[in-house]
Structures are given as C-alpha cells and as structure tokens.
Protein backbone atom coordinates (compact mmCIF):
# COMPACT_ATOMS: atom_id res chain seq x y z
CA UNK A 1 0.00 0.00 0.00
CA UNK A 2 1.31 3.44 -0.94
CA UNK A 3 2.61 5.69 1.85
CA UNK A 4 0.52 8.86 1.65
CA UNK A 5 2.47 11.93 2.76
CA UNK A 6 0.80 15.34 3.01
CA UNK A 7 2.96 18.43 3.46
CA UNK A 8 1.29 21.58 4.77
CA UNK A 9 2.84 24.69 3.25
CA UNK A 10 2.10 28.40 3.45
CA UNK A 11 2.32 31.29 1.00
CA UNK A 12 3.84 34.19 2.94
CA UNK A 13 4.85 37.80 2.22
CA UNK A 14 8.50 38.21 1.29
CA UNK A 15 10.30 39.18 4.50
CA UNK A 16 12.56 41.51 2.54
CA UNK A 17 9.58 43.50 1.25
CA UNK A 18 7.84 46.50 2.82
CA UNK A 19 5.02 44.82 4.75
CA UNK A 20 1.90 46.50 6.14
CA UNK A 21 -1.49 45.79 7.70
CA UNK A 22 -4.88 46.33 6.09
CA UNK A 23 -7.44 48.57 7.75
CA UNK A 24 -8.88 45.51 9.54
CA UNK A 25 -5.36 44.76 10.88
CA UNK A 26 -4.92 41.65 8.78
CA UNK A 27 -1.72 41.28 6.78
CA UNK A 28 -1.69 43.19 3.50
CA UNK A 29 -0.71 40.49 1.01
CA UNK A 30 -1.52 42.52 -2.11
CA UNK A 31 1.23 45.14 -1.92
CA UNK A 32 4.17 42.78 -1.41
CA UNK A 33 5.46 39.76 -3.29
CA UNK A 34 4.77 36.36 -1.77
CA UNK A 35 6.61 33.04 -1.76
CA UNK A 36 6.69 29.57 -0.24
CA UNK A 37 7.63 29.92 3.42
CA UNK A 38 11.31 29.00 3.73
CA UNK A 39 10.68 26.86 6.81
CA UNK A 40 8.12 24.85 4.84
CA UNK A 41 10.74 24.07 2.19
CA UNK A 42 12.45 21.90 4.81
CA UNK A 43 9.19 20.00 5.30
CA UNK A 44 8.89 19.41 1.55
CA UNK A 45 12.50 18.20 1.43
CA UNK A 46 11.97 15.69 4.23
CA UNK A 47 8.80 14.40 2.58
CA UNK A 48 10.68 13.87 -0.67
CA UNK A 49 13.52 12.06 1.09
CA UNK A 50 11.08 9.74 2.85
CA UNK A 51 9.30 9.14 -0.45
CA UNK A 52 12.57 8.28 -2.18
CA UNK A 53 13.45 5.76 0.54
CA UNK A 54 10.01 4.12 0.46
CA UNK A 55 9.00 1.33 -1.93
CA UNK A 56 5.81 3.20 -2.85
CA UNK A 57 4.94 6.70 -1.68
CA UNK A 58 3.02 9.77 -2.84
CA UNK A 59 3.67 13.34 -1.71
CA UNK A 60 0.80 15.85 -1.71
CA UNK A 61 1.37 19.51 -0.84
CA UNK A 62 -1.53 21.35 0.78
CA UNK A 63 -2.06 25.06 1.31
CA UNK A 64 -4.81 27.39 2.50
CA UNK A 65 -4.70 30.84 0.95
CA UNK A 66 -5.66 33.24 -1.83
CA UNK A 67 -5.24 32.60 -5.56
CA UNK A 68 -1.57 33.65 -5.51
CA UNK A 69 -0.85 30.85 -3.00
CA UNK A 70 -0.81 28.59 -6.03
CA UNK A 71 2.75 29.87 -6.57
CA UNK A 72 3.85 28.18 -3.33
CA UNK A 73 2.31 24.92 -4.49
CA UNK A 74 4.07 25.13 -7.85
CA UNK A 75 7.41 25.66 -6.09
CA UNK A 76 6.85 22.51 -4.01
CA UNK A 77 5.74 20.58 -7.09
CA UNK A 78 8.86 21.70 -8.95
CA UNK A 79 10.95 20.35 -6.08
CA UNK A 80 9.40 16.94 -6.69
CA UNK A 81 6.02 16.63 -4.95
CA UNK A 82 3.45 14.59 -6.90
CA UNK A 83 0.27 16.65 -6.58
CA UNK A 84 -1.25 19.57 -4.70
CA UNK A 85 -4.43 20.68 -2.96
CA UNK A 86 -5.35 24.38 -2.71
CA UNK A 87 -8.09 25.49 -0.30
CA UNK A 88 -9.28 28.92 -1.43
CA UNK A 89 -12.38 30.77 -0.23
CA UNK A 90 -13.10 34.47 0.30
CA UNK A 91 -14.59 33.68 3.70
CA UNK A 92 -11.16 32.51 4.91
CA UNK A 93 -9.83 36.08 5.03
CA UNK A 94 -8.52 36.80 8.54
CA UNK A 95 -8.56 33.17 9.71
CA UNK A 96 -6.26 32.58 12.69
CA UNK A 97 -4.18 29.50 13.54
CA UNK A 98 -7.09 27.72 15.21
CA UNK A 99 -9.34 28.18 12.19
CA UNK A 100 -6.54 27.23 9.81
CA UNK A 101 -5.98 24.00 11.72
CA UNK A 102 -9.67 23.16 11.22
CA UNK A 103 -9.47 23.77 7.48
CA UNK A 104 -6.23 21.81 7.13
CA UNK A 105 -7.60 18.90 9.15
CA UNK A 106 -10.68 18.64 6.94
CA UNK A 107 -8.56 18.88 3.80
CA UNK A 108 -6.07 16.28 5.04
CA UNK A 109 -8.89 13.87 5.86
CA UNK A 110 -10.45 14.42 2.45
CA UNK A 111 -7.11 13.88 0.71
CA UNK A 112 -6.17 10.80 2.72
CA UNK A 113 -2.90 10.49 4.63
CA UNK A 114 -0.51 8.35 6.63
CA UNK A 115 1.93 11.09 7.55
CA UNK A 116 1.53 14.88 7.70
CA UNK A 117 4.71 16.97 7.67
CA UNK A 118 4.83 20.66 8.61
CA UNK A 119 7.55 23.25 8.99
CA UNK A 120 8.39 24.34 12.54
CA UNK A 121 6.57 27.67 12.04
CA UNK A 122 5.52 30.08 9.30
CA UNK A 123 7.88 32.94 8.53
CA UNK A 124 5.11 35.53 8.82
CA UNK A 125 3.12 34.55 11.94
CA UNK A 126 5.94 32.49 13.56
CA UNK A 127 3.48 30.99 16.07
CA UNK A 128 4.61 27.38 15.67
CA UNK A 129 1.40 25.97 17.16
CA UNK A 130 -0.33 24.67 14.05
CA UNK A 131 1.23 21.15 13.92
CA UNK A 132 0.02 20.42 17.46
CA UNK A 133 -3.45 21.82 16.72
CA UNK A 134 -3.66 19.78 13.54
CA UNK A 135 -2.66 16.56 15.31
CA UNK A 136 -5.30 17.19 17.98
CA UNK A 137 -8.03 17.72 15.39
CA UNK A 138 -7.00 14.59 13.49
CA UNK A 139 -6.74 12.58 16.70
CA UNK A 140 -3.26 11.26 15.90
CA UNK A 141 0.18 11.44 17.60
CA UNK A 142 2.42 14.46 17.09
CA UNK A 143 6.22 14.38 16.96
CA UNK A 144 7.38 17.96 16.58
CA UNK A 145 10.55 20.02 16.06
CA UNK A 146 12.58 17.19 14.54
CA UNK A 147 16.03 17.67 13.06
CA UNK A 148 15.93 14.11 11.68
CA UNK A 149 12.92 12.09 10.56
CA UNK A 150 12.41 8.64 9.02
CA UNK A 151 9.57 6.19 8.39
CA UNK A 152 9.70 2.40 8.60
CA UNK A 153 7.54 -0.50 9.76
CA UNK A 154 4.47 1.66 10.24
CA UNK A 155 6.25 4.12 12.53
CA UNK A 156 7.79 7.57 12.20
CA UNK A 157 10.99 8.17 14.16
CA UNK A 158 13.00 11.31 14.70
CA UNK A 159 15.50 13.29 16.73
CA UNK A 160 14.68 16.47 18.59
CA UNK A 161 17.63 18.61 19.64
CA UNK A 162 17.05 20.81 22.68
CA UNK A 163 19.27 23.23 24.59
CA UNK A 164 20.09 20.66 27.27
CA UNK A 165 19.36 17.28 25.71
CA UNK A 166 18.63 15.31 22.55
CA UNK A 167 15.47 13.19 22.41
CA UNK A 168 14.85 10.23 20.14
CA UNK A 169 11.12 9.91 19.48
CA UNK A 170 8.75 7.61 17.64
CA UNK A 171 5.04 7.35 16.93
CA UNK A 172 2.77 4.96 15.11
CA UNK A 173 1.29 6.07 11.81
CA UNK A 174 -0.85 7.97 11.05
CA UNK A 175 0.91 10.90 12.68
CA UNK A 176 1.81 14.58 12.35
CA UNK A 177 5.42 15.76 12.49
CA UNK A 178 7.16 19.10 12.16
CA UNK A 179 10.78 19.61 11.13
CA UNK A 180 13.26 22.36 11.89
CA UNK A 181 15.67 24.22 9.65
CA UNK A 182 18.40 21.82 10.83
CA UNK A 183 16.75 18.83 9.14
CA UNK A 184 18.63 19.30 5.87
CA UNK A 185 18.99 21.89 3.13
CA UNK A 186 16.04 21.96 0.73
CA UNK A 187 16.83 21.02 -2.85
CA UNK A 188 16.74 23.62 -5.61
CA UNK A 189 14.17 22.92 -8.34
CA UNK A 190 15.75 21.80 -11.60
CA UNK A 191 14.61 23.06 -14.98
CA UNK A 192 13.12 19.61 -15.62
CA UNK A 193 11.26 19.81 -12.31
CA UNK A 194 9.91 23.27 -13.07
CA UNK A 195 8.58 22.12 -16.44
CA UNK A 196 7.11 18.93 -14.98
CA UNK A 197 5.33 20.91 -12.23
CA UNK A 198 3.18 22.64 -14.85
CA UNK A 199 1.52 19.31 -15.68
CA UNK A 200 1.02 18.04 -12.13
CA UNK A 201 -2.55 18.11 -10.77
CA UNK A 202 -3.69 20.84 -8.38
CA UNK A 203 -7.07 20.20 -6.77
CA UNK A 204 -9.10 23.25 -5.69
CA UNK A 205 -11.36 23.09 -2.64
CA UNK A 206 -13.55 25.61 -0.83
CA UNK A 207 -15.38 25.64 2.50
CA UNK A 208 -18.43 23.89 1.03
CA UNK A 209 -16.24 21.05 -0.22
CA UNK A 210 -14.91 20.61 3.32
CA UNK A 211 -18.30 21.02 5.03
CA UNK A 212 -17.07 23.98 7.09
CA UNK A 213 -19.38 26.79 8.20
CA UNK A 214 -18.03 30.23 7.24
CA UNK A 215 -18.82 31.45 10.78
CA UNK A 216 -16.17 29.09 12.18
CA UNK A 217 -13.34 30.69 10.21
CA UNK A 218 -12.39 34.10 8.88
CA UNK A 219 -11.86 37.27 10.89
CA UNK A 220 -15.21 37.05 12.68
CA UNK A 221 -14.63 33.43 13.68
CA UNK A 222 -11.06 34.01 14.85
CA UNK A 223 -10.16 33.38 18.49
CA UNK A 224 -7.10 35.62 18.18
CA UNK A 225 -6.95 39.06 16.58
CA UNK A 226 -4.53 41.95 16.21
CA UNK A 227 -6.13 44.81 18.13
CA UNK A 228 -3.53 47.52 17.56
CA UNK A 229 -0.46 48.14 15.42
CA UNK A 230 2.00 51.01 15.16
CA UNK A 231 4.13 51.80 12.14
CA UNK A 232 7.82 51.17 12.74
CA UNK A 233 9.58 54.54 13.15
CA UNK A 234 12.13 55.49 10.49
CA UNK A 235 15.69 54.48 11.22
CA UNK A 236 17.78 57.26 12.74
CA UNK A 237 21.49 57.96 12.44
CA UNK A 238 22.11 56.43 15.86
CA UNK A 239 24.44 57.49 18.65
CA UNK A 240 28.18 57.85 18.11
CA UNK A 241 30.41 57.25 21.14
CA UNK A 242 33.78 58.95 20.79
CA UNK A 243 36.36 57.28 22.98
CA UNK A 244 38.37 59.85 24.84
CA UNK A 245 39.13 57.48 27.67
CA UNK A 246 35.53 57.13 28.83
CA UNK A 247 34.15 55.25 25.80
CA UNK A 248 33.53 52.01 27.66
CA UNK A 249 31.62 53.78 30.40
CA UNK A 250 29.51 55.72 27.89
CA UNK A 251 28.72 52.53 25.99
CA UNK A 252 27.67 50.73 29.17
CA UNK A 253 25.45 53.66 30.17
CA UNK A 254 23.84 53.68 26.73
CA UNK A 255 23.12 49.94 26.81
CA UNK A 256 21.78 50.16 30.36
CA UNK A 257 19.54 53.06 29.37
CA UNK A 258 18.06 50.93 26.57
CA UNK A 259 17.72 48.02 29.06
CA UNK A 260 20.01 45.82 26.94
CA UNK A 261 22.09 45.09 30.04
C-alpha cells in the first residue's frame, strides 16, 4: 500500500519587502510579493527524502490561501512533490491559527494520509502551534521540532535537539510531524522539475467542499486578533560614542539606558 504523505505549506509575504497591515489589521498580502515559506521548504524536502526511501509513496502539498498561494504549491511541485491541494475561499480572510488547523484537518482527511509533515513555524506569523493543533483535530500522535525524521515498519521516528538534551522519538502512523531548519537543506528545483510541475494536478477546494461553516473561520470566527499596530519609526542615524578614555563607560550607560544590560 502506498505511503501517503501530506505536506502543509504556506504562502507568505516576502520578508525583505515592505510589509503592512490592512485597515482591519490583517496582513496586507496585495502590496508585497509572496513566496513559499522558507521553513516549509524543509518539510517538503523531508517528505521527498522519505518518499525516495520508500517502496511506494506519494507526496501531496496542501495550502490554505488566496489565488496567488498557487505559486507556493508550484514551487513545491517543482521540487518533486506529486500533486497539490489548494483550499481557497473568500470567507477565509482573517482566519487565525485555530481556524486554519480546522481547514487543514478537513482537507487532510479528504485527501487521505498516513503522515503529515509541517515546517516548525511560518515565517510571517511564527506561532509554531499549528502542527500540534492539527494533530489534535486529526486525533493522531504528534512528533514535533525534529532535526531528523524517518519512516519504517508503520512508525515515524525522529530526533529532537534541545538546549540541554537530545530526544529520540517515535510514533505509530498515522501521525503529524514538524521539522526544523536543521533537518537538511532543501533542494533547488531543476529546470526539468519546473517544467514537470506545470503538468502536475492541483485540486481546488472551498469551505463547502470541506463542510465547514463560514462562521467558524475568517476574521469574525477568529479566536485571536490583532487589536492595535504602530508603524515602525524610520531608522535614525544612531548614537556615536567617541572614545576619549571614557568610551567604555559611555557605551555601558547607553546599553543600560536601553535596558540591553
């Protein structure tokens, strides 16, 4: 039986761009270029490595987002994923992590899975809670923040590196895992892969397809909201400390005044 791997990916604003909020304090995704979240590229890479080591495996990439999020799917497909699922619905605007976990869980169940792989966090929200929420909704084990991951004999195993210790973990399939940026450099899509990605299937789903009420997602259904935001002040010239014998003292006073020390 084929090993069904689903990789959850996110289309995020380019961190090098000039990012802003909309009037409703949701992220303005129209005025800045977007791309596949870098941390999710590691998840795609690990899925592809597991697929290559398996006798029979299929990798599906899944995203929730606007029309442009299709670009993130195409990047993952060009890396080597087999097919993609795109959940797009206007009522999803403003959905928080809890609502997104609901949508992803429904989509994963509809797609069919043995293993779900996520990045450790998105590069825009950086909450890092979605893998755990997704595992809870699916009712399966979670093995998160792995720097190594492998699948064999109906189990997923991995290594989690902490500040004080290294843990070796395992869980029975089906399961949800997340991988860190130490799990291995993501491959660069080849020209052949980019061309092949154009012919790979991308299934489109909306809330009706997933039997989700619009009131449970979106900005109105969100459990967490941004209530206030202030524009970052323009960068100033800074403070120059001229060392006339008291430079170290002046520097210490400056750092203490900014509560850096």
